[in-house]
Amino acid sequence: MFWIVWKGKGIFVPIIFFAVLYAYFYVFVSDPSEKVINSKGCATALVITGLLCFLLARRWKRKYGRVYFDEKKNREIVVRPDHSFYLLNVYYWSFILTGLGLLCFYFILF
C-alpha cells in the first residue's frame, strides 16, 4: 500500500511536478503516439518544480504566525503553519528536486 503523507500545503509538491511534466510533454513532444518517456522532460520538470517549490516555500514562510504569550516562562511564542511532504519541509524539497534534476541533466549530457 502506498501512503501520501503531507501537512499544510505540502501536497502541492507532487501536484506541481506532474503539472509541469504534463505541460512539458504537451508543449515539446511533437509526436503524441511516442511511448518513450523523454528523460529531458523529467529532468526539466524536476528543476522547474524545485524552483517553484523554493519560491512558494519562501512566500509561505514569510507569513506571520499566531503569537501566544507563555505566562509561566514570561515570553512570546510564535506558531507558524508547517507545510511538509513526506515529513520534509517544502523548502527542503526544493533543493532535493533541483539537485535531482541537475543530476539527471548531468547523466543525460555526459
Protein backbone atom coordinates (compact mmCIF):
# COMPACT_ATOMS: atom_id res chain seq x y z
CA MET A 1 0.00 0.00 0.00
CA PHE A 2 1.25 3.47 -0.88
CA TRP A 3 0.64 6.35 1.51
CA ILE A 4 0.92 10.03 0.71
CA VAL A 5 1.83 11.99 3.81
CA TRP A 6 1.64 15.76 3.84
CA LYS A 7 0.96 18.60 6.21
CA GLY A 8 -0.40 22.02 5.30
CA LYS A 9 0.25 22.89 1.66
CA GLY A 10 2.85 20.16 1.13
CA ILE A 11 0.57 18.29 -1.26
CA PHE A 12 1.47 20.89 -3.89
CA VAL A 13 4.93 19.29 -4.36
CA PRO A 14 3.72 16.28 -6.42
CA ILE A 15 0.88 18.28 -7.98
CA ILE A 16 3.33 20.87 -9.32
CA PHE A 17 5.71 18.14 -10.53
CA PHE A 18 3.07 16.27 -12.52
CA ALA A 19 1.56 19.51 -13.87
CA VAL A 20 4.98 20.68 -15.11
CA LEU A 21 5.74 17.23 -16.55
CA TYR A 22 2.39 17.16 -18.36
CA ALA A 23 2.91 20.69 -19.68
CA TYR A 24 6.40 19.77 -20.92
CA PHE A 25 5.14 16.78 -22.89
CA TYR A 26 2.11 18.69 -24.16
CA VAL A 27 4.24 21.56 -25.49
CA PHE A 28 7.55 19.98 -26.54
CA VAL A 29 6.78 16.41 -27.64
CA SER A 30 5.85 16.56 -31.31
CA ASP A 31 4.57 13.00 -31.77
CA PRO A 32 1.80 12.17 -29.26
CA SER A 33 1.93 8.46 -30.15
CA GLU A 34 5.51 8.26 -28.92
CA LYS A 35 5.53 5.97 -25.89
CA VAL A 36 9.13 6.55 -24.83
CA ILE A 37 9.50 8.81 -21.82
CA ASN A 38 11.85 11.64 -22.64
CA SER A 39 14.44 11.90 -19.89
CA LYS A 40 15.00 15.59 -20.62
CA GLY A 41 11.36 16.17 -19.79
CA CYS A 42 11.69 14.54 -16.38
CA ALA A 43 14.87 16.47 -15.62
CA THR A 44 13.28 19.74 -16.72
CA ALA A 45 10.19 19.04 -14.63
CA LEU A 46 12.35 18.32 -11.57
CA VAL A 47 14.32 21.56 -11.91
CA ILE A 48 11.25 23.72 -12.54
CA THR A 49 9.35 22.06 -9.69
CA GLY A 50 12.30 22.67 -7.38
CA LEU A 51 12.40 26.34 -8.30
CA LEU A 52 8.64 26.75 -7.89
CA CYS A 53 8.71 24.97 -4.52
CA PHE A 54 11.51 27.28 -3.40
CA LEU A 55 9.52 30.38 -4.33
CA LEU A 56 6.32 29.07 -2.74
CA ALA A 57 8.10 28.00 0.45
CA ARG A 58 9.67 31.43 0.84
CA ARG A 59 6.30 33.05 0.36
CA TRP A 60 4.57 30.75 2.85
CA LYS A 61 7.39 31.18 5.36
CA ARG A 62 7.12 34.97 5.18
CA LYS A 63 3.58 34.99 6.52
CA TYR A 64 3.33 35.66 10.19
CA GLY A 65 2.03 33.02 12.53
CA ARG A 66 -0.05 33.31 15.64
CA VAL A 67 1.60 34.90 18.64
CA TYR A 68 0.92 33.39 22.06
CA PHE A 69 2.19 34.58 25.39
CA ASP A 70 3.50 31.97 27.82
CA GLU A 71 2.82 33.27 31.32
CA LYS A 72 4.99 30.67 33.07
CA LYS A 73 8.14 31.46 31.09
CA ASN A 74 7.16 35.09 30.51
CA ARG A 75 7.85 35.17 26.78
CA GLU A 76 6.09 35.16 23.42
CA ILE A 77 5.74 32.05 21.28
CA VAL A 78 5.14 32.33 17.53
CA VAL A 79 3.39 29.35 15.94
CA ARG A 80 3.66 29.19 12.15
CA PRO A 81 1.92 26.65 9.93
CA ASP A 82 4.06 23.75 8.74
CA HIS A 83 3.99 22.78 5.07
CA SER A 84 5.66 19.42 4.54
CA PHE A 85 5.52 16.43 2.21
CA TYR A 86 6.75 13.07 3.49
CA LEU A 87 7.99 14.70 6.70
CA LEU A 88 10.26 17.15 4.82
CA ASN A 89 9.50 20.84 4.61
CA VAL A 90 8.62 22.17 1.14
CA TYR A 91 11.68 24.44 1.40
CA TYR A 92 13.98 21.40 1.59
CA TRP A 93 12.09 19.62 -1.19
CA SER A 94 13.07 22.48 -3.47
CA PHE A 95 16.77 21.70 -3.03
CA ILE A 96 16.24 17.95 -3.36
CA LEU A 97 14.21 18.25 -6.57
CA THR A 98 16.54 20.81 -8.15
CA GLY A 99 19.55 18.66 -7.28
CA LEU A 100 17.93 15.55 -8.76
CA GLY A 101 17.04 17.45 -11.92
CA LEU A 102 20.58 18.76 -12.34
CA LEU A 103 21.93 15.27 -11.69
CA CYS A 104 19.61 13.91 -14.42
CA PHE A 105 20.85 16.59 -16.83
CA TYR A 106 24.44 15.64 -15.98
CA PHE A 107 23.83 11.96 -16.78
CA ILE A 108 21.94 12.84 -19.97
CA LEU A 109 24.69 15.07 -21.31
CA PHE A 110 27.72 13.02 -20.26
